[in-house]
Amino acid sequence: MTVNGRTEGRRKRVPRQEREQQIIDVAVTVFAKRGYHAASVDEIAELAGISKPMVYLYLDSKEGLFLACLRREADRLVAAFQGAAQAVGGAQAGGGAPELRLHAGLSAFFAFVAEHRDSWVVLHRQASELSEAIASAVADARRAVMAEVAGLVRDGITESAGGSQLDDEDADFVAYALVGAADSLTDWMSGHPGQSPEGVTLRLMNMVWVGMGRVLEGEVWVPGE
C-alpha cells in the first residue's frame, strides 16, 4: 500500500507460542556452543531476528530463557522415552513385556542424545552447575524419567516367577542404577561415535536386566563365597 508516496508493508504477525519456540531453538544452540555465562541475549536476539527487549518480554530474563530451553528439551526427552515404551504394546499403552518396553525407552533415550547433542549439552553438562531454580528443573526432569524406569522395573519384578524376592525398594535401586548408567554412557558415546544407540542399549540391558533376572532366580553374590 502507498501512503504519501511511500510504500508501507505490513510485518507478518507471528503467534506468541511460535515466536517463543523460535527463540528457544536459537538459544539452545547458543547455550550449547558458548556456555551459559558466555552466551549473550544480544546474540540470541540477533540470530532469532528480533530485538533484545523482545526476548525479555517473552522469557523475562537470561535465566528464564535457559529454564525454558531446559524444560522444553527435558519434556521432549521424557516424551521420547514414554512414546517408545508405549509403542511396544501397540494401541494399548502399557502392553508388551516390561523388558521390551524398557529396551525401547532406553533406545529412544540414547537416540535422542545422539540426534540432539545441543539439547543434551544444555540438559546434562551445564544445568547442574547453575542456579537453584535451574537445578530444581533438572531434578524434576530426572524424577520424570526415573518414574518411568522404576515403573517398568516393578512390572518386571511382579511378572517374574521369583518376584516375591524383590520389593519396591529394589525396583527403585535398579531404576537409579539404570538411569545413572544411562547418564554416564552418554559421555562414553561421545568418545565412541561408532557405537549405535541400539548397541549401547543392548549392552546396558544385558548388564542390568539380566543381572536382576539372576537375582530373581535365587542367585546372590556374596564376598568370599
Foldseek 3Di string as FASTA:
>chain_A
DDDPNDDDDDDDDDDLVVLLVLLLVLVLQQCLVQNLVRRDLCVSCVVSVHHSVVVCVNQVDSVSSLLVNQLVLLVVLLCQLLVQLQCCQPPGGPHDQLLNSNLRSQLSNLVSCVVCVSSCCSLQVHQCVDDPVSVVSSVVSLVSQLVVQLVSLLSNLVPDPLSVVDDSVVSSVLSVVLSVVSSVVSVVCVVVVVAHSSNVSVVSCCVRVVVVVVVSVPDDDDPPD
